[in-house]
Amino acid sequence: MSRSQHKLKPSPRPLFSCGMFRNCTMSVLSPRTPPNTAASFLQPPPASPSPSPAPPATSQPAAAPNPSSSSSSSSSSASHSFTQWRFPLHLNQHHQPPPEPQPPPYPESISNQSIDLTEAFHSAEIHFADGDSRQAVSLLVQSLATADPPPPATAGVIAGVVAALRVAETARAAAKVFLALVLAEENRRPALEAGAVAAAVEAVASPEAGGTTTVKERTLAALELLCTVEDGATAVRGHPLAAKALAGAVEAMAGRGRECAIGVLAAIYGGDWAAAAPEEVVRAVVVALQGECTARGRRKGAQLLLALKETAPGC
């Protein structure tokens, strides 16, 4: 082949001779930097059988700025920041197990209440024997606050509470304890034997009665419970101050006090004893039904007036 022919066929030159473009292409398609979406879709896989993996992200001293490494680290840090903001897992903190739930202090078991009340009854009986009725009644008020209903009380405790109901200084607390005790049927007959009817009627008849209407309300409620026991209504009906005291309570009191007073009158003068009801009792009940009265008070009063009408048609 001649020399001229060699000159007519020069060697093929690369399609792109720009060094800048070659560097950009090499950096984009370099296995050490993640290619963008379009390049990875169009470019065939690299010839290298096992490309070296990217180095793990560890804390290293600062190096010379590199475009590819700086882009990769910024992308990694941005992704990590988004993960922490969106999913705050707190991986660097130790997992603390939740505290074990503690059992609630209330309600106490029935056995514990019985033990505490037994000790309180014993202590109160000692205070009553020593003449310290105020301390004994205060102890019983605190002890009976969580008992529903209270267990049977000792005879000394019941006698001490009945005696404290007669004293103006301890009447308020004693009336509260008295009502709490007779809520239990086991304590009603011992209360009758301790003279509770006379003390209660005197407290209702007294203009002072501890100085508050609450004392009379609680005493009337306890008196109505005592009337449910055999001989209880008989004891109230036989007291010389009962009719006048109860009629005065019906006229002067309102709400629960009037209701309980009518309930006691219906218990002692209902049925066969309607004829024994004094005129002042009938008048008080009629006036109460014409004024403000609870539904239960009206029902009890209507039963009493019906019994009076059947016994004395001209009434």
Protein backbone atom coordinates (compact mmCIF):
# COMPACT_ATOMS: atom_id res chain seq x y z
CA MET A 1 0.00 0.00 0.00
CA SER A 2 1.36 3.46 -0.93
CA ARG A 3 2.14 6.34 1.44
CA SER A 4 -0.66 8.47 -0.05
CA GLN A 5 -3.24 5.90 0.81
CA HIS A 6 -2.14 5.97 4.43
CA LYS A 7 -2.64 9.73 4.48
CA LEU A 8 -6.14 9.47 2.98
CA LYS A 9 -7.24 7.15 5.76
CA PRO A 10 -6.37 8.79 9.01
CA SER A 11 -6.89 6.92 12.31
CA PRO A 12 -10.31 7.40 13.87
CA ARG A 13 -10.47 10.09 16.55
CA PRO A 14 -12.60 9.83 19.61
CA LEU A 15 -16.06 11.14 19.26
CA PHE A 16 -15.70 13.46 22.24
CA SER A 17 -12.41 15.10 22.72
CA CYS A 18 -13.38 17.52 25.44
CA GLY A 19 -11.47 16.60 28.53
CA MET A 20 -14.00 18.29 30.76
CA PHE A 21 -16.82 16.25 29.32
CA ARG A 22 -14.74 13.09 29.70
CA ASN A 23 -14.11 13.84 33.34
CA CYS A 24 -17.79 14.50 33.96
CA THR A 25 -18.80 11.26 32.28
CA MET A 26 -16.25 9.29 34.19
CA SER A 27 -17.33 10.81 37.50
CA VAL A 28 -21.00 10.17 36.83
CA LEU A 29 -20.50 6.57 35.75
CA SER A 30 -17.89 5.82 38.32
CA PRO A 31 -18.72 2.76 40.41
CA ARG A 32 -17.83 4.71 43.57
CA THR A 33 -20.61 7.26 43.13
CA PRO A 34 -24.31 6.43 42.88
CA PRO A 35 -25.51 7.12 39.28
CA ASN A 36 -28.60 9.17 38.71
CA THR A 37 -31.85 7.59 37.59
CA ALA A 38 -31.56 8.17 33.85
CA ALA A 39 -27.91 7.02 33.65
CA SER A 40 -28.59 3.82 35.56
CA PHE A 41 -31.49 2.97 33.29
CA LEU A 42 -29.61 3.57 29.97
CA GLN A 43 -26.08 2.50 30.87
CA PRO A 44 -25.27 -1.23 30.78
CA PRO A 45 -23.83 -2.76 33.92
CA PRO A 46 -20.06 -2.06 34.40
CA ALA A 47 -17.49 -4.56 33.24
CA SER A 48 -16.04 -4.98 36.67
CA PRO A 49 -17.32 -8.28 38.10
CA SER A 50 -17.41 -7.14 41.70
CA PRO A 51 -17.46 -3.42 42.27
CA SER A 52 -16.07 -2.37 45.58
CA PRO A 53 -18.83 -1.34 48.00
CA ALA A 54 -19.09 2.16 49.28
CA PRO A 55 -17.18 2.70 52.50
CA PRO A 56 -19.32 2.66 55.67
CA ALA A 57 -20.31 5.98 57.18
CA THR A 58 -17.96 6.34 60.10
CA SER A 59 -16.54 9.28 61.89
CA GLN A 60 -13.19 10.10 60.18
CA PRO A 61 -11.02 13.19 60.27
CA ALA A 62 -11.76 15.84 57.69
CA ALA A 63 -10.15 15.19 54.29
CA ALA A 64 -9.68 17.21 51.17
CA PRO A 65 -12.95 18.19 49.48
CA ASN A 66 -14.10 15.65 46.92
CA PRO A 67 -17.23 16.28 44.82
CA SER A 68 -18.40 12.66 44.87
CA SER A 69 -17.76 11.99 48.57
CA SER A 70 -19.29 15.30 49.66
CA SER A 71 -22.44 14.59 47.64
CA SER A 72 -22.74 11.10 49.11
CA SER A 73 -22.25 12.25 52.72
CA SER A 74 -24.73 15.10 52.37
CA SER A 75 -27.32 12.73 50.94
CA SER A 76 -26.73 10.27 53.77
CA SER A 77 -26.95 12.94 56.46
CA ALA A 78 -30.15 14.38 54.95
CA SER A 79 -31.73 10.93 54.88
CA HIS A 80 -30.69 10.32 58.49
CA SER A 81 -32.10 13.66 59.59
CA PHE A 82 -35.45 12.95 57.92
CA THR A 83 -35.60 9.53 59.55
CA GLN A 84 -35.01 11.02 62.99
CA TRP A 85 -37.67 13.68 62.43
CA ARG A 86 -40.31 11.35 60.99
CA PHE A 87 -39.56 8.26 63.09
CA PRO A 88 -37.99 9.31 66.40
CA LEU A 89 -36.73 5.88 67.42
CA HIS A 90 -33.94 7.11 69.71
CA LEU A 91 -31.71 4.19 68.89
CA ASN A 92 -28.86 5.49 70.99
CA GLN A 93 -30.89 5.42 74.19
CA HIS A 94 -31.23 2.31 76.27
CA HIS A 95 -34.69 0.78 76.36
CA GLN A 96 -36.24 1.17 79.79
CA PRO A 97 -38.94 -1.36 80.69
CA PRO A 98 -42.20 0.19 81.90
CA PRO A 99 -42.60 0.24 85.68
CA GLU A 100 -44.65 -2.51 87.20
CA PRO A 101 -48.15 -1.33 88.17
CA GLN A 102 -48.62 -0.94 91.89
CA PRO A 103 -51.81 -2.31 93.48
CA PRO A 104 -54.24 0.43 94.48
CA PRO A 105 -54.45 1.11 98.22
CA TYR A 106 -58.27 1.06 98.15
CA PRO A 107 -60.60 -0.62 98.52
CA GLU A 108 -59.30 -2.57 101.49
CA SER A 109 -60.30 -6.12 102.05
CA ILE A 110 -63.19 -6.91 104.35
CA SER A 111 -60.92 -8.74 106.78
CA ASN A 112 -58.68 -5.68 107.18
CA GLN A 113 -61.71 -3.47 107.76
CA SER A 114 -63.04 -5.86 110.38
CA ILE A 115 -59.68 -5.97 112.13
CA ASP A 116 -59.34 -2.19 112.12
CA LEU A 117 -62.90 -1.67 113.37
CA THR A 118 -62.44 -4.27 116.08
CA GLU A 119 -59.38 -2.42 117.32
CA ALA A 120 -61.21 0.91 117.03
CA PHE A 121 -64.16 -0.43 119.06
CA HIS A 122 -61.77 -1.69 121.72
CA SER A 123 -59.93 1.65 121.91
CA ALA A 124 -63.20 3.62 121.97
CA GLU A 125 -64.54 1.45 124.77
CA ILE A 126 -61.43 2.22 126.79
CA HIS A 127 -61.88 5.97 126.18
CA PHE A 128 -65.53 5.78 127.22
CA ALA A 129 -64.56 3.96 130.41
CA ASP A 130 -61.98 6.66 131.17
CA GLY A 131 -64.59 9.39 130.69
CA ASP A 132 -63.06 10.72 127.45
CA SER A 133 -66.21 10.57 125.32
CA ARG A 134 -64.99 13.22 122.91
CA GLN A 135 -61.89 11.23 121.91
CA ALA A 136 -63.89 8.00 121.70
CA VAL A 137 -66.56 9.46 119.42
CA SER A 138 -63.94 11.13 117.20
CA LEU A 139 -62.15 7.79 116.80
CA LEU A 140 -65.40 6.07 115.86
CA VAL A 141 -66.26 8.73 113.26
CA GLN A 142 -62.95 8.14 111.49
CA SER A 143 -63.19 4.35 111.72
CA LEU A 144 -66.80 4.02 110.53
CA ALA A 145 -66.24 6.24 107.47
CA THR A 146 -65.22 3.26 105.28
CA ALA A 147 -67.49 0.58 106.82
CA ASP A 148 -70.68 -0.22 104.91
CA PRO A 149 -72.42 -1.55 106.93
CA PRO A 150 -70.40 -1.65 110.15
CA PRO A 151 -69.93 -4.93 112.02
CA PRO A 152 -71.63 -5.58 115.36
CA ALA A 153 -70.35 -3.19 118.01
CA THR A 154 -69.67 -4.01 121.62
CA ALA A 155 -72.16 -3.14 124.34
CA GLY A 156 -69.71 -0.66 125.84
CA VAL A 157 -69.37 1.23 122.57
CA ILE A 158 -73.14 1.46 122.01
CA ALA A 159 -73.77 2.60 125.59
CA GLY A 160 -71.04 5.22 125.28
CA VAL A 161 -72.45 6.60 122.01
CA VAL A 162 -75.97 6.80 123.48
CA ALA A 163 -74.62 8.68 126.49
CA ALA A 164 -72.64 11.06 124.23
CA LEU A 165 -75.85 11.84 122.31
CA ARG A 166 -77.25 13.46 125.48
CA VAL A 167 -74.32 15.88 125.82
CA ALA A 168 -74.37 19.03 123.69
CA GLU A 169 -70.58 19.02 123.25
CA THR A 170 -70.51 15.55 121.66
CA ALA A 171 -74.07 15.35 120.26
CA ARG A 172 -73.09 16.21 116.68
CA ALA A 173 -70.46 13.49 116.29
CA ALA A 174 -72.45 11.03 118.41
CA ALA A 175 -75.51 11.41 116.15
CA LYS A 176 -73.36 10.54 113.14
CA VAL A 177 -71.94 7.45 114.85
CA PHE A 178 -75.37 6.49 116.22
CA LEU A 179 -76.91 6.47 112.74
CA ALA A 180 -73.94 4.54 111.30
CA LEU A 181 -74.23 1.87 113.99
CA VAL A 182 -77.98 1.25 113.69
CA LEU A 183 -77.65 0.80 109.93
CA ALA A 184 -76.57 -2.72 110.91
CA GLU A 185 -79.50 -4.78 112.19
CA GLU A 186 -77.27 -6.51 114.74
CA ASN A 187 -76.76 -3.21 116.59
CA ARG A 188 -80.42 -2.13 116.84
CA ARG A 189 -81.59 -4.32 119.72
CA PRO A 190 -78.47 -3.61 121.82
CA ALA A 191 -79.14 0.08 121.18
CA LEU A 192 -82.70 -0.29 122.49
CA GLU A 193 -81.37 -2.02 125.58
CA ALA A 194 -78.89 0.85 126.09
CA GLY A 195 -81.70 3.44 126.18
CA ALA A 196 -81.25 4.79 122.65
CA VAL A 197 -84.96 5.62 122.24
CA ALA A 198 -85.06 7.94 125.24
CA ALA A 199 -81.80 9.65 124.22
CA ALA A 200 -83.00 10.12 120.64
CA VAL A 201 -86.42 11.49 121.63
CA GLU A 202 -84.81 13.92 124.06
CA ALA A 203 -82.37 15.08 121.38
CA VAL A 204 -85.25 15.77 118.99
CA ALA A 205 -87.32 17.52 121.69
CA SER A 206 -84.41 19.66 122.88
CA PRO A 207 -84.31 23.14 121.33
CA GLU A 208 -80.51 22.95 121.29
CA ALA A 209 -79.80 19.34 120.32
CA GLY A 210 -76.16 20.03 119.68
CA GLY A 211 -76.92 23.36 118.05
CA THR A 212 -77.62 22.13 114.50
CA THR A 213 -80.50 20.73 112.48
CA THR A 214 -78.21 17.96 111.21
CA VAL A 215 -78.19 16.36 114.65
CA LYS A 216 -81.99 16.12 114.64
CA GLU A 217 -82.09 14.79 111.08
CA ARG A 218 -79.64 11.98 111.83
CA THR A 219 -81.32 11.19 115.12
CA LEU A 220 -84.75 10.97 113.46
CA ALA A 221 -83.32 8.68 110.77
CA ALA A 222 -81.82 6.42 113.44
CA LEU A 223 -85.08 6.49 115.39
CA GLU A 224 -87.00 5.33 112.32
CA LEU A 225 -84.60 2.41 111.95
CA LEU A 226 -85.11 1.46 115.59
CA CYS A 227 -88.86 1.31 114.94
CA THR A 228 -88.27 -1.63 112.57
CA VAL A 229 -87.19 -3.78 115.53
CA GLU A 230 -89.76 -5.56 117.65
CA ASP A 231 -90.62 -3.41 120.68
CA GLY A 232 -88.85 -0.46 119.03
CA ALA A 233 -92.04 1.30 117.96
CA THR A 234 -93.58 0.46 121.35
CA ALA A 235 -90.70 2.14 123.15
CA VAL A 236 -91.03 5.30 121.04
CA ARG A 237 -94.82 5.42 121.43
CA GLY A 238 -94.53 4.99 125.19
CA HIS A 239 -92.14 7.89 125.69
CA PRO A 240 -94.03 10.91 127.12
CA LEU A 241 -92.23 13.42 124.89
CA ALA A 242 -92.39 11.44 121.64
CA ALA A 243 -95.69 12.72 120.18
CA LYS A 244 -94.99 16.38 120.88
CA ALA A 245 -91.35 16.19 119.74
CA LEU A 246 -92.19 14.40 116.50
CA ALA A 247 -95.12 16.70 115.67
CA GLY A 248 -92.91 19.72 116.26
CA ALA A 249 -90.22 18.25 113.98
CA VAL A 250 -92.79 17.67 111.21
CA GLU A 251 -93.96 21.28 111.37
CA ALA A 252 -90.58 23.00 111.87
CA MET A 253 -88.24 20.93 109.72
CA ALA A 254 -88.05 20.34 105.96
CA GLY A 255 -86.51 17.86 103.56
CA ARG A 256 -85.10 14.70 105.11
CA GLY A 257 -85.85 15.81 108.65
CA ARG A 258 -89.58 16.17 107.96
CA GLU A 259 -89.58 12.94 105.97
CA CYS A 260 -88.00 10.91 108.79
CA ALA A 261 -90.29 12.46 111.41
CA ILE A 262 -93.38 11.47 109.39
CA GLY A 263 -91.85 8.00 108.95
CA VAL A 264 -91.52 7.58 112.73
CA LEU A 265 -95.13 8.75 113.26
CA ALA A 266 -96.37 6.31 110.61
CA ALA A 267 -94.44 3.51 112.33
CA ILE A 268 -95.80 4.15 115.84
CA TYR A 269 -99.36 5.23 114.98
CA GLY A 270 -100.06 3.15 111.89
CA GLY A 271 -102.34 0.13 111.77
CA ASP A 272 -104.09 -0.71 115.02
CA TRP A 273 -102.52 2.21 116.88
CA ALA A 274 -104.06 4.94 114.72
CA ALA A 275 -106.67 5.74 117.33
CA ALA A 276 -103.93 6.54 119.83
CA ALA A 277 -102.51 9.33 117.69
CA PRO A 278 -102.92 12.73 119.41
CA GLU A 279 -104.64 15.58 117.62
CA GLU A 280 -101.39 17.53 117.29
CA VAL A 281 -99.86 14.66 115.31
CA VAL A 282 -102.76 14.62 112.82
CA ARG A 283 -102.61 18.39 112.41
CA ALA A 284 -98.85 18.35 111.83
CA VAL A 285 -99.10 15.67 109.16
CA VAL A 286 -101.91 17.48 107.32
CA VAL A 287 -99.95 20.74 107.32
CA ALA A 288 -96.84 18.95 106.07
CA LEU A 289 -98.67 17.34 103.17
CA GLN A 290 -100.11 20.70 102.15
CA GLY A 291 -96.62 22.22 102.00
CA GLU A 292 -93.26 21.05 100.71
CA CYS A 293 -92.51 17.42 101.38
CA THR A 294 -90.49 14.65 99.77
CA ALA A 295 -92.18 11.86 97.83
CA ARG A 296 -91.45 9.32 100.55
CA GLY A 297 -92.75 11.71 103.23
CA ARG A 298 -95.98 12.22 101.33
CA ARG A 299 -96.44 8.48 100.92
CA LYS A 300 -95.87 7.81 104.62
CA GLY A 301 -98.13 10.71 105.61
CA ALA A 302 -100.92 9.51 103.30
CA GLN A 303 -100.72 6.02 104.81
CA LEU A 304 -100.99 7.48 108.31
CA LEU A 305 -104.00 9.68 107.44
CA LEU A 306 -105.71 6.74 105.74
CA ALA A 307 -105.25 4.61 108.87
CA LEU A 308 -106.64 7.47 111.00
CA LYS A 309 -109.67 7.81 108.72
CA GLU A 310 -110.42 4.10 108.86
CA THR A 311 -110.11 4.09 112.65
CA ALA A 312 -112.03 7.29 113.30
CA PRO A 313 -114.49 7.99 110.44
CA GLY A 314 -115.45 11.35 111.88
CA CYS A 315 -111.87 12.55 111.89
